[in-house]
Each structure stands twice: as C-alpha cells, then as structure tokens.
N, C-alpha and C. Protein backbone atom coordinates (compact mmCIF):
# COMPACT_ATOMS: atom_id res chain seq x y z
N MET A 1 117.43 89.88 123.55
CA MET A 1 116.75 90.97 122.55
C MET A 1 117.92 92.02 122.37
N ASN A 2 118.15 92.37 121.10
CA ASN A 2 119.02 93.50 120.81
C ASN A 2 118.13 94.74 120.70
N GLN A 3 118.15 95.58 121.76
CA GLN A 3 117.29 96.74 121.83
C GLN A 3 117.60 97.72 120.70
N ASP A 4 118.87 97.94 120.51
CA ASP A 4 119.11 99.00 119.44
C ASP A 4 118.62 98.53 118.13
N ARG A 5 118.92 97.25 117.79
CA ARG A 5 118.37 96.72 116.53
C ARG A 5 116.84 96.82 116.36
N LEU A 6 116.08 96.58 117.41
CA LEU A 6 114.68 96.66 117.39
C LEU A 6 114.26 97.94 117.39
N ASP A 7 114.91 98.99 117.94
CA ASP A 7 114.52 100.38 117.88
C ASP A 7 114.78 100.76 116.51
N ARG A 8 115.73 100.32 115.84
CA ARG A 8 116.04 100.98 114.35
C ARG A 8 115.08 100.28 113.51
N GLN A 9 114.64 99.09 113.71
CA GLN A 9 113.58 98.48 112.89
C GLN A 9 112.33 99.26 113.02
N PHE A 10 111.82 99.44 114.19
CA PHE A 10 110.71 100.18 114.39
C PHE A 10 110.77 101.63 114.02
N ASP A 11 111.97 102.27 113.93
CA ASP A 11 112.18 103.56 113.45
C ASP A 11 111.86 103.63 111.83
N PHE A 12 112.37 102.65 111.30
CA PHE A 12 112.22 102.53 109.79
C PHE A 12 110.67 102.26 109.49
N CYS A 13 110.10 101.39 110.31
CA CYS A 13 108.63 101.25 110.01
C CYS A 13 107.83 102.43 110.26
N ARG A 14 108.20 103.23 111.21
CA ARG A 14 107.52 104.48 111.27
C ARG A 14 107.81 105.50 110.18
N GLU A 15 108.97 105.48 109.72
CA GLU A 15 109.52 106.37 108.70
C GLU A 15 108.75 106.03 107.45
N ILE A 16 108.62 104.80 107.02
CA ILE A 16 107.97 104.36 105.71
C ILE A 16 106.46 104.69 105.73
N ASP A 17 105.87 104.86 106.94
CA ASP A 17 104.46 105.26 106.93
C ASP A 17 104.21 106.44 106.12
N LYS A 18 105.26 107.41 105.97
CA LYS A 18 105.13 108.51 105.09
C LYS A 18 104.80 108.22 103.70
N GLU A 19 105.05 106.94 103.20
CA GLU A 19 104.73 106.67 101.80
C GLU A 19 103.30 106.74 101.54
N LYS A 20 102.46 106.48 102.59
CA LYS A 20 101.05 106.54 102.42
C LYS A 20 100.57 107.93 102.08
N GLU A 21 101.36 108.95 102.32
CA GLU A 21 100.94 110.36 102.04
C GLU A 21 101.31 110.89 100.73
N ILE A 22 101.99 110.09 99.82
CA ILE A 22 102.51 110.47 98.56
C ILE A 22 101.46 110.09 97.47
N THR A 23 101.10 111.10 96.62
CA THR A 23 100.00 110.88 95.72
C THR A 23 100.76 110.81 94.33
N ARG A 24 100.24 109.94 93.51
CA ARG A 24 100.75 109.67 92.25
C ARG A 24 99.80 110.43 91.16
N GLN A 25 100.17 110.24 89.88
CA GLN A 25 99.22 110.85 88.87
C GLN A 25 98.30 110.03 88.36
N THR A 26 98.28 108.58 88.61
CA THR A 26 97.38 107.67 88.14
C THR A 26 96.22 107.60 89.06
N TYR A 27 94.89 107.64 88.39
CA TYR A 27 93.75 107.53 89.16
C TYR A 27 93.40 106.09 89.42
N LEU A 28 92.60 105.90 90.51
CA LEU A 28 92.07 104.54 90.85
C LEU A 28 91.07 104.19 89.62
N ALA A 29 90.79 102.88 89.61
CA ALA A 29 90.10 102.47 88.46
C ALA A 29 88.89 103.04 88.25
N ASP A 30 88.13 103.40 89.31
CA ASP A 30 86.73 104.13 89.09
C ASP A 30 87.06 105.59 88.80
N GLY A 31 88.30 106.09 88.78
CA GLY A 31 88.49 107.53 88.45
C GLY A 31 88.21 108.50 89.57
N SER A 32 87.86 108.00 90.85
CA SER A 32 87.37 108.98 91.82
C SER A 32 88.38 109.78 92.42
N ARG A 33 89.65 109.29 92.50
CA ARG A 33 90.80 109.99 93.06
C ARG A 33 92.10 109.40 92.46
N LYS A 34 93.14 110.17 92.80
CA LYS A 34 94.55 109.60 92.47
C LYS A 34 95.03 108.58 93.48
N GLU A 35 95.63 107.54 93.05
CA GLU A 35 96.22 106.62 93.89
C GLU A 35 97.42 107.12 94.82
N GLY A 36 97.61 106.43 95.85
CA GLY A 36 98.84 106.79 96.63
C GLY A 36 100.06 105.73 96.24
N ASP A 37 101.17 106.14 96.71
CA ASP A 37 102.40 105.35 96.48
C ASP A 37 102.24 103.95 97.18
N ALA A 38 101.77 104.05 98.39
CA ALA A 38 101.63 102.67 99.24
C ALA A 38 100.61 101.83 98.44
N GLU A 39 99.53 102.37 97.97
CA GLU A 39 98.57 101.60 97.40
C GLU A 39 99.15 101.04 95.97
N HIS A 40 99.91 101.81 95.33
CA HIS A 40 100.60 101.27 94.11
C HIS A 40 101.50 100.03 94.42
N ALA A 41 102.18 100.20 95.52
CA ALA A 41 103.09 99.07 95.89
C ALA A 41 102.34 97.89 96.16
N TRP A 42 101.33 97.99 97.10
CA TRP A 42 100.53 96.77 97.53
C TRP A 42 99.85 96.22 96.20
N HIS A 43 99.32 96.96 95.27
CA HIS A 43 98.63 96.46 94.08
C HIS A 43 99.69 95.74 93.31
N MET A 44 100.83 96.17 93.06
CA MET A 44 101.82 95.43 92.12
C MET A 44 102.20 94.24 92.85
N ALA A 45 102.40 94.29 94.18
CA ALA A 45 102.90 93.01 94.93
C ALA A 45 101.84 91.84 94.68
N LEU A 46 100.59 92.14 94.86
CA LEU A 46 99.52 91.20 94.59
C LEU A 46 99.48 90.79 93.22
N MET A 47 99.53 91.70 92.30
CA MET A 47 99.48 91.37 90.90
C MET A 47 100.75 90.43 90.59
N THR A 48 101.95 90.57 91.11
CA THR A 48 103.06 89.70 90.90
C THR A 48 102.76 88.31 91.34
N ILE A 49 102.10 88.20 92.53
CA ILE A 49 101.69 86.85 93.06
C ILE A 49 100.80 86.10 91.91
N LEU A 50 99.95 86.95 91.35
CA LEU A 50 98.93 86.28 90.49
C LEU A 50 99.44 86.15 89.06
N LEU A 51 100.31 87.00 88.69
CA LEU A 51 100.80 87.06 87.18
C LEU A 51 102.16 86.48 87.06
N SER A 52 102.82 86.03 88.09
CA SER A 52 104.28 85.62 87.83
C SER A 52 104.38 84.44 86.76
N GLU A 53 103.26 83.68 86.47
CA GLU A 53 103.43 82.65 85.67
C GLU A 53 103.63 83.03 84.12
N TYR A 54 103.48 84.38 83.91
CA TYR A 54 103.64 84.99 82.56
C TYR A 54 105.13 85.51 82.44
N ALA A 55 106.01 85.47 83.49
CA ALA A 55 107.26 86.01 83.37
C ALA A 55 108.13 85.31 82.22
N ASN A 56 108.86 86.09 81.49
CA ASN A 56 109.70 85.44 80.50
C ASN A 56 110.64 84.33 81.06
N GLU A 57 111.28 84.70 82.32
CA GLU A 57 112.01 83.72 82.90
C GLU A 57 111.50 83.39 84.37
N LYS A 58 111.87 82.23 84.92
CA LYS A 58 111.46 81.85 86.24
C LYS A 58 111.95 82.91 87.15
N ILE A 59 111.03 83.38 88.13
CA ILE A 59 111.48 84.40 89.06
C ILE A 59 111.23 83.92 90.48
N ASP A 60 111.99 84.56 91.42
CA ASP A 60 111.77 84.26 92.84
C ASP A 60 110.65 85.38 93.19
N VAL A 61 109.46 84.70 93.48
CA VAL A 61 108.19 85.67 93.54
C VAL A 61 108.47 86.50 94.94
N LEU A 62 108.85 85.93 95.95
CA LEU A 62 109.01 86.76 97.28
C LEU A 62 109.97 87.82 97.00
N LYS A 63 111.13 87.51 96.33
CA LYS A 63 112.06 88.56 96.05
C LYS A 63 111.42 89.74 95.19
N THR A 64 110.73 89.36 94.24
CA THR A 64 110.13 90.37 93.38
C THR A 64 109.07 91.15 94.00
N VAL A 65 108.37 90.68 94.92
CA VAL A 65 107.32 91.32 95.82
C VAL A 65 107.95 92.26 96.64
N THR A 66 109.21 91.75 97.14
CA THR A 66 109.90 92.60 98.24
C THR A 66 110.56 93.93 97.39
N ILE A 67 111.03 93.52 96.24
CA ILE A 67 111.52 94.81 95.41
C ILE A 67 110.34 95.77 95.15
N LEU A 68 109.18 95.26 94.89
CA LEU A 68 108.09 96.13 94.58
C LEU A 68 107.59 96.87 95.71
N LEU A 69 107.74 96.29 96.87
CA LEU A 69 107.21 96.97 98.18
C LEU A 69 108.24 98.09 98.61
N ILE A 70 109.44 97.89 98.19
CA ILE A 70 110.40 98.88 98.66
C ILE A 70 110.85 99.86 97.66
N HIS A 71 110.60 99.56 96.47
CA HIS A 71 111.24 100.38 95.34
C HIS A 71 110.93 101.94 95.29
N ASP A 72 109.73 102.21 95.78
CA ASP A 72 109.33 103.61 95.71
C ASP A 72 109.38 104.27 97.14
N LEU A 73 110.03 103.68 98.19
CA LEU A 73 110.21 104.38 99.39
C LEU A 73 111.08 105.61 99.16
N VAL A 74 111.94 105.71 98.27
CA VAL A 74 112.68 106.75 98.15
C VAL A 74 111.95 108.06 97.80
N GLU A 75 110.68 107.85 97.40
CA GLU A 75 109.82 109.01 97.06
C GLU A 75 109.32 109.73 98.26
N ILE A 76 109.57 109.15 99.49
CA ILE A 76 109.33 109.83 100.66
C ILE A 76 110.13 111.14 100.73
N ASP A 77 111.40 111.03 100.23
CA ASP A 77 112.12 112.33 100.15
C ASP A 77 112.16 112.97 98.81
N ALA A 78 112.22 112.09 97.73
CA ALA A 78 112.35 112.61 96.30
C ALA A 78 111.03 113.03 95.72
N GLY A 79 109.88 112.58 96.26
CA GLY A 79 108.62 112.88 95.60
C GLY A 79 108.32 111.92 94.39
N ASP A 80 107.04 111.97 94.00
CA ASP A 80 106.77 111.20 92.86
C ASP A 80 107.07 111.92 91.48
N THR A 81 107.82 111.36 90.68
CA THR A 81 108.18 112.09 89.33
C THR A 81 107.39 111.45 88.25
N TYR A 82 106.75 112.42 87.60
CA TYR A 82 105.72 112.01 86.62
C TYR A 82 106.32 111.35 85.38
N ALA A 83 105.94 110.25 85.04
CA ALA A 83 106.34 109.24 84.14
C ALA A 83 106.66 109.86 82.75
N TYR A 84 105.95 111.01 82.34
CA TYR A 84 106.01 111.51 80.92
C TYR A 84 106.70 112.83 80.87
N GLY A 85 107.82 112.91 81.84
CA GLY A 85 108.61 114.14 81.59
C GLY A 85 108.36 115.28 82.63
N GLY A 86 108.96 116.45 82.29
CA GLY A 86 108.92 117.59 83.20
C GLY A 86 110.38 117.73 83.85
N GLN A 87 110.69 118.80 84.48
CA GLN A 87 111.90 119.26 84.99
C GLN A 87 112.36 118.01 86.03
N ASP A 88 111.35 117.70 86.83
CA ASP A 88 111.73 116.62 87.81
C ASP A 88 112.37 115.47 87.34
N LYS A 89 112.05 115.10 85.96
CA LYS A 89 112.65 113.97 85.37
C LYS A 89 114.27 113.99 85.25
N GLU A 90 114.60 115.30 85.08
CA GLU A 90 116.18 115.48 84.93
C GLU A 90 117.01 115.28 86.15
N THR A 91 116.40 115.45 87.33
CA THR A 91 116.99 115.41 88.60
C THR A 91 116.63 114.06 89.45
N GLN A 92 115.74 113.20 88.72
CA GLN A 92 115.24 112.13 89.53
C GLN A 92 116.31 111.19 90.04
N LYS A 93 117.36 110.83 89.32
CA LYS A 93 118.21 109.84 89.71
C LYS A 93 119.00 110.45 90.98
N THR A 94 119.42 111.60 90.83
CA THR A 94 120.14 112.25 92.08
C THR A 94 119.32 112.29 93.25
N ARG A 95 118.03 112.81 93.18
CA ARG A 95 117.28 112.81 94.34
C ARG A 95 117.01 111.50 94.86
N GLU A 96 116.65 110.56 94.10
CA GLU A 96 116.17 109.21 94.60
C GLU A 96 117.48 108.50 95.23
N THR A 97 118.65 108.77 94.68
CA THR A 97 119.87 108.09 95.28
C THR A 97 120.16 108.51 96.68
N ALA A 98 120.07 109.80 96.77
CA ALA A 98 120.13 110.50 98.15
C ALA A 98 119.17 110.01 99.05
N ALA A 99 117.97 109.92 98.63
CA ALA A 99 116.89 109.50 99.41
C ALA A 99 117.07 107.94 99.85
N ALA A 100 117.51 107.06 99.10
CA ALA A 100 117.94 105.65 99.31
C ALA A 100 118.95 105.77 100.45
N GLU A 101 119.95 106.51 100.28
CA GLU A 101 120.98 106.51 101.38
C GLU A 101 120.52 106.97 102.77
N ARG A 102 119.79 107.90 102.86
CA ARG A 102 119.16 108.17 104.20
C ARG A 102 118.22 107.25 104.66
N ILE A 103 117.12 106.83 103.78
CA ILE A 103 116.00 106.05 104.40
C ILE A 103 116.45 104.58 104.73
N PHE A 104 117.33 103.86 103.91
CA PHE A 104 117.67 102.60 104.17
C PHE A 104 118.76 102.48 105.19
N SER A 105 119.44 103.63 105.64
CA SER A 105 120.44 103.87 106.67
C SER A 105 119.82 103.82 108.11
N ILE A 106 118.44 104.01 108.16
CA ILE A 106 117.65 103.92 109.39
C ILE A 106 117.75 102.54 110.01
N LEU A 107 117.73 101.57 109.13
CA LEU A 107 117.75 100.08 109.47
C LEU A 107 119.10 99.67 110.03
N PRO A 108 119.07 98.56 110.82
CA PRO A 108 120.36 97.99 111.09
C PRO A 108 121.11 97.75 109.84
N PRO A 109 122.50 97.83 109.90
CA PRO A 109 123.33 97.74 108.66
C PRO A 109 123.02 96.69 107.76
N ASP A 110 122.91 95.37 108.35
CA ASP A 110 122.61 94.25 107.51
C ASP A 110 121.30 94.42 106.69
N GLN A 111 120.29 94.75 107.25
CA GLN A 111 118.85 94.94 106.58
C GLN A 111 118.89 96.09 105.78
N GLY A 112 119.64 97.18 106.15
CA GLY A 112 119.55 98.45 105.24
C GLY A 112 120.43 98.13 103.99
N ALA A 113 121.54 97.35 104.10
CA ALA A 113 122.36 97.06 102.95
C ALA A 113 121.49 96.15 101.98
N HIS A 114 120.69 95.14 102.69
CA HIS A 114 120.03 94.29 101.65
C HIS A 114 118.84 94.98 101.00
N LEU A 115 118.06 95.89 101.61
CA LEU A 115 117.14 96.60 100.92
C LEU A 115 117.63 97.62 99.93
N ARG A 116 118.78 98.21 100.34
CA ARG A 116 119.47 99.04 99.37
C ARG A 116 119.87 98.32 98.09
N ALA A 117 120.35 97.03 98.22
CA ALA A 117 120.75 96.29 97.12
C ALA A 117 119.53 95.85 96.31
N LEU A 118 118.50 95.57 96.93
CA LEU A 118 117.33 95.33 96.11
C LEU A 118 116.86 96.44 95.35
N TRP A 119 116.94 97.73 96.00
CA TRP A 119 116.57 98.89 95.25
C TRP A 119 117.34 99.15 94.06
N GLU A 120 118.67 98.99 94.20
CA GLU A 120 119.65 99.20 93.10
C GLU A 120 119.45 98.07 92.13
N GLU A 121 119.09 96.91 92.47
CA GLU A 121 118.81 95.90 91.40
C GLU A 121 117.54 96.17 90.60
N PHE A 122 116.60 96.71 91.19
CA PHE A 122 115.44 97.25 90.43
C PHE A 122 115.79 98.23 89.44
N GLU A 123 116.47 99.26 89.97
CA GLU A 123 117.02 100.42 89.02
C GLU A 123 117.82 99.88 87.81
N ALA A 124 118.56 98.79 88.03
CA ALA A 124 119.54 98.34 87.08
C ALA A 124 118.91 97.42 86.03
N GLU A 125 117.61 96.87 86.37
CA GLU A 125 116.88 96.16 85.47
C GLU A 125 117.56 95.00 84.66
N GLU A 126 118.40 94.28 85.47
CA GLU A 126 119.31 93.26 84.74
C GLU A 126 118.73 91.81 85.20
N THR A 127 118.22 91.53 86.38
CA THR A 127 117.90 90.28 86.78
C THR A 127 116.42 90.00 86.39
N PRO A 128 116.17 88.72 86.34
CA PRO A 128 114.64 88.27 85.93
C PRO A 128 113.67 89.00 86.99
N GLU A 129 114.01 88.98 88.13
CA GLU A 129 113.15 89.74 89.15
C GLU A 129 113.01 91.24 89.01
N ALA A 130 114.15 91.82 88.62
CA ALA A 130 114.05 93.24 88.37
C ALA A 130 113.19 93.65 87.10
N LYS A 131 113.51 92.83 86.14
CA LYS A 131 112.79 92.97 84.81
C LYS A 131 111.30 92.89 85.00
N PHE A 132 110.87 91.74 85.78
CA PHE A 132 109.36 91.51 86.06
C PHE A 132 108.80 92.59 86.84
N ALA A 133 109.64 93.15 87.90
CA ALA A 133 109.11 94.23 88.68
C ALA A 133 108.92 95.39 87.95
N ARG A 134 109.88 95.74 86.92
CA ARG A 134 109.63 96.83 86.11
C ARG A 134 108.39 96.71 85.24
N THR A 135 108.26 95.51 84.76
CA THR A 135 107.00 95.24 83.94
C THR A 135 105.72 95.47 84.87
N MET A 136 105.73 94.98 86.04
CA MET A 136 104.58 95.37 86.92
C MET A 136 104.37 96.89 87.12
N ASP A 137 105.64 97.54 87.29
CA ASP A 137 105.49 98.97 87.54
C ASP A 137 104.93 99.80 86.39
N ASN A 138 105.18 99.16 85.18
CA ASN A 138 104.68 99.89 84.06
C ASN A 138 103.11 99.48 83.61
N ILE A 139 102.82 98.17 83.89
CA ILE A 139 101.54 97.82 83.53
C ILE A 139 100.46 98.20 84.54
N GLN A 140 100.83 98.24 85.86
CA GLN A 140 99.70 98.55 86.90
C GLN A 140 99.12 99.82 86.54
N PRO A 141 99.90 100.97 86.24
CA PRO A 141 99.31 102.17 85.94
C PRO A 141 98.57 102.12 84.62
N MET A 142 99.05 101.50 83.66
CA MET A 142 98.44 101.39 82.37
C MET A 142 97.08 100.76 82.42
N MET A 143 96.99 99.70 83.44
CA MET A 143 95.68 98.98 83.58
C MET A 143 94.68 99.95 84.28
N LEU A 144 95.13 100.79 85.20
CA LEU A 144 94.26 101.73 85.90
C LEU A 144 93.96 102.88 84.99
N ASN A 145 94.87 103.43 84.17
CA ASN A 145 94.46 104.41 83.19
C ASN A 145 93.34 103.95 82.23
N ALA A 146 93.50 102.70 81.84
CA ALA A 146 92.47 102.09 80.86
C ALA A 146 91.19 102.02 81.68
N ALA A 147 91.20 101.61 82.87
CA ALA A 147 90.03 101.36 83.62
C ALA A 147 89.37 102.57 83.92
N SER A 148 89.95 103.62 84.07
CA SER A 148 89.36 104.95 84.37
C SER A 148 89.11 105.78 83.07
N ASP A 149 89.00 105.02 81.96
CA ASP A 149 88.62 105.54 80.69
C ASP A 149 89.71 106.55 80.23
N GLY A 150 90.89 106.30 80.43
CA GLY A 150 92.09 107.01 79.95
C GLY A 150 92.10 108.37 80.63
N LYS A 151 91.63 108.57 81.84
CA LYS A 151 91.48 109.94 82.43
C LYS A 151 92.80 110.61 82.57
N SER A 152 93.85 109.97 83.09
CA SER A 152 95.09 110.65 83.29
C SER A 152 95.67 111.02 82.01
N TRP A 153 95.75 109.86 81.03
CA TRP A 153 96.29 110.17 79.70
C TRP A 153 95.72 111.44 78.95
N ALA A 154 94.24 111.46 79.04
CA ALA A 154 93.73 112.59 78.51
C ALA A 154 93.99 113.95 79.14
N GLU A 155 94.04 114.07 80.40
CA GLU A 155 94.30 115.17 81.28
C GLU A 155 95.63 115.72 80.83
N HIS A 156 96.68 114.81 80.74
CA HIS A 156 98.09 115.26 80.35
C HIS A 156 98.40 115.33 78.93
N GLY A 157 97.43 114.96 78.12
CA GLY A 157 97.64 114.93 76.62
C GLY A 157 98.74 114.18 76.25
N VAL A 158 98.69 112.87 76.81
CA VAL A 158 99.86 111.89 76.60
C VAL A 158 99.59 111.37 75.11
N TYR A 159 100.63 111.23 74.38
CA TYR A 159 100.69 110.73 73.00
C TYR A 159 101.27 109.31 73.01
N LEU A 160 101.00 108.50 72.04
CA LEU A 160 101.45 107.15 71.84
C LEU A 160 102.86 106.95 71.97
N GLN A 161 103.58 107.72 71.34
CA GLN A 161 105.09 107.61 71.33
C GLN A 161 105.67 107.80 72.71
N GLN A 162 105.11 108.62 73.61
CA GLN A 162 105.53 108.72 75.04
C GLN A 162 105.37 107.40 75.76
N ILE A 163 104.20 106.74 75.62
CA ILE A 163 103.86 105.60 76.16
C ILE A 163 104.79 104.36 75.79
N LEU A 164 105.12 104.39 74.29
CA LEU A 164 105.96 103.31 73.82
C LEU A 164 107.31 103.44 74.28
N GLN A 165 107.78 104.80 74.45
CA GLN A 165 109.12 105.02 74.81
C GLN A 165 109.37 104.60 76.39
N ARG A 166 108.27 104.77 77.18
CA ARG A 166 108.26 104.45 78.54
C ARG A 166 108.34 102.97 78.77
N ASN A 167 107.60 102.22 77.92
CA ASN A 167 107.52 100.90 77.90
C ASN A 167 108.47 100.17 76.87
N ALA A 168 109.54 100.71 76.58
CA ALA A 168 110.44 100.16 75.60
C ALA A 168 110.97 98.79 76.21
N HIS A 169 111.11 98.72 77.50
CA HIS A 169 111.58 97.37 78.13
C HIS A 169 110.60 96.64 78.86
N THR A 170 109.34 97.04 78.86
CA THR A 170 108.38 96.16 79.55
C THR A 170 108.31 94.78 79.16
N ALA A 171 108.39 94.52 77.76
CA ALA A 171 108.36 93.10 77.40
C ALA A 171 109.50 92.17 77.81
N GLU A 172 110.51 92.91 78.42
CA GLU A 172 111.81 92.15 78.84
C GLU A 172 111.32 91.37 80.01
N GLY A 173 110.28 91.74 80.79
CA GLY A 173 109.93 90.99 81.88
C GLY A 173 108.81 89.92 81.60
N SER A 174 108.03 90.35 80.67
CA SER A 174 106.76 89.52 80.20
C SER A 174 106.44 89.87 78.83
N GLN A 175 106.74 89.13 77.86
CA GLN A 175 106.26 89.48 76.52
C GLN A 175 104.75 89.32 76.37
N GLU A 176 104.16 88.30 77.00
CA GLU A 176 102.77 88.04 77.05
C GLU A 176 101.97 89.04 77.78
N LEU A 177 102.40 89.72 78.83
CA LEU A 177 101.57 90.75 79.42
C LEU A 177 101.79 92.00 78.69
N TRP A 178 102.87 92.32 78.10
CA TRP A 178 102.92 93.52 77.35
C TRP A 178 102.10 93.43 76.01
N GLU A 179 102.03 92.33 75.48
CA GLU A 179 101.21 92.16 74.25
C GLU A 179 99.62 92.28 74.64
N TYR A 180 99.38 91.73 75.82
CA TYR A 180 98.00 91.85 76.23
C TYR A 180 97.59 93.17 76.52
N CYS A 181 98.42 93.89 77.29
CA CYS A 181 98.11 95.26 77.69
C CYS A 181 98.12 96.39 76.45
N ALA A 182 98.96 96.06 75.50
CA ALA A 182 98.97 96.83 74.30
C ALA A 182 97.63 96.67 73.56
N ARG A 183 97.12 95.35 73.50
CA ARG A 183 95.92 95.24 72.87
C ARG A 183 94.62 95.63 73.67
N LYS A 184 94.55 95.42 74.90
CA LYS A 184 93.47 95.59 75.71
C LYS A 184 93.47 96.92 76.38
N PHE A 185 94.54 97.54 76.68
CA PHE A 185 94.61 98.80 77.24
C PHE A 185 94.94 100.02 76.50
N LEU A 186 95.92 99.82 75.60
CA LEU A 186 96.35 101.03 74.78
C LEU A 186 95.56 101.19 73.67
N GLN A 187 95.21 100.16 72.85
CA GLN A 187 94.55 100.30 71.52
C GLN A 187 93.14 100.92 71.74
N PRO A 188 92.48 100.50 72.63
CA PRO A 188 91.14 100.93 72.76
C PRO A 188 91.07 102.48 73.07
N ASN A 189 92.04 102.82 74.05
CA ASN A 189 92.20 104.36 74.38
C ASN A 189 92.81 105.10 73.23
N LEU A 190 93.58 104.55 72.41
CA LEU A 190 94.06 105.18 71.23
C LEU A 190 92.83 105.43 70.21
N ASP A 191 91.91 104.41 70.11
CA ASP A 191 90.78 104.47 69.20
C ASP A 191 89.90 105.58 69.62
N LYS A 192 89.76 105.70 71.03
CA LYS A 192 88.79 106.68 71.65
C LYS A 192 89.41 107.95 71.66
N GLY A 193 90.66 108.23 71.33
CA GLY A 193 91.28 109.60 71.40
C GLY A 193 91.72 109.96 72.81
N ARG A 194 91.75 108.96 73.73
CA ARG A 194 92.22 109.35 75.00
C ARG A 194 93.62 109.44 75.05
N ILE A 195 94.32 108.68 74.21
CA ILE A 195 95.70 108.78 73.95
C ILE A 195 95.94 109.33 72.55
N GLN A 196 96.77 110.46 72.56
CA GLN A 196 96.92 111.21 71.12
C GLN A 196 97.78 110.27 70.25
N LYS A 197 97.46 110.19 69.04
CA LYS A 197 98.22 109.43 67.94
C LYS A 197 99.54 110.15 67.58
N ASN A 198 99.40 111.30 67.58
CA ASN A 198 100.74 112.17 67.03
C ASN A 198 101.05 113.02 68.16
N GLY A 199 102.36 113.39 68.30
CA GLY A 199 102.91 114.34 69.15
C GLY A 199 104.44 114.58 68.97
N LYS A 200 104.99 114.94 70.03
CA LYS A 200 106.55 115.20 69.97
C LYS A 200 107.10 113.90 69.64
N GLU A 201 108.15 114.00 68.93
CA GLU A 201 109.07 112.82 68.61
C GLU A 201 110.05 112.61 69.62
C-alpha cells in the first residue's frame, strides 16, 4: 500500500464533500427548494446513462458521466455563477481555473492530471463526450425549470433570447434532445408568460 497516495485520495474525497453545500438557482421539480451542486451532478450523470442513445455522435458513457460528476467541483472555491449574467459571469473563467488548480492538485499527480484534463475537455466543448455533457448541463436545469412551473425563470425575469443564447450549442451534443426540450419545456412556459418574450438583445 502506498500510504501517501491513499492519504491524498481520501483528502480529495473529504474536500469534494463541500460541493454538497453549494446551492444553485434552479429549483427542484416540485419547487420546494433550490437544488445543490452535488444533486445537479448526480442527476445529469444518471440522465446521461438513460439518454446517451440520443447523442449526435457515439460517446463513451462512463467518460461523459465522469466529466459531469467532476465539472462543477471548481465551484467549491469559485461558487455557482448564475447562468444568465451578472458581475460574477465576467470573472468566472479566472475563478474557476484557479479553483481547478487547487482542488485537483490534492490528488496524486496522475489522478489529478486526469481529472483536470477532463475538466478542461468539458470547458473546450470539442469532443463528442464534452458536447453531450454540455447538452446535459443545459437540459437538466431546463427540465427542472419547466417542472417547477417556470419558477426560477419567472423570479429572475428571464427572457427567451437569454435562454437561446445560453443554449446556442446545446444541439451540438444532441439535436433530438434540444428539439424535444424546446418544444416540451420552453414553448409552454413562453406561452404561459413564465419566460418573457421580449427583453434585452
């Protein structure tokens, strides 16, 4: 047994427990409270196992699940950045890169480098796995927003153009899932006024 390696692995496991404390802006499906980062990661991982058949390109499901489970660990330091703007959006990349450097360096070098590379792969959105992971990262909150009767969209006064800009690349991971979500999640909330039709350009 390599005692130092095992110590570092458990140090990392304890550190990432902090992700459970981070609250996002999206409500649970029943609208009772906002979801946590760790809940978000678990939900997307399971959704990927179920929905991977709709990926535009064949994906390595385990790799995609791993990307989704680790991609928000940087928010332990950087915090959750609201999807539709604000001052935090301007410094998000700098804050999250610094967080990745610290958090993944807790691990033994080989594992730290591997997870850091997967995090960077997600950010680059170039591989089939990263594209599908981004699709899941966009669709999961959209699904919950719709399930909670557009609660978060209405509270923040979100308008359609903001959602379309955020989802400009969602179809690159799955055209079928994007079209389904636009039809089943966005359009009904637009019709009900939960999403504003007009706003800033």
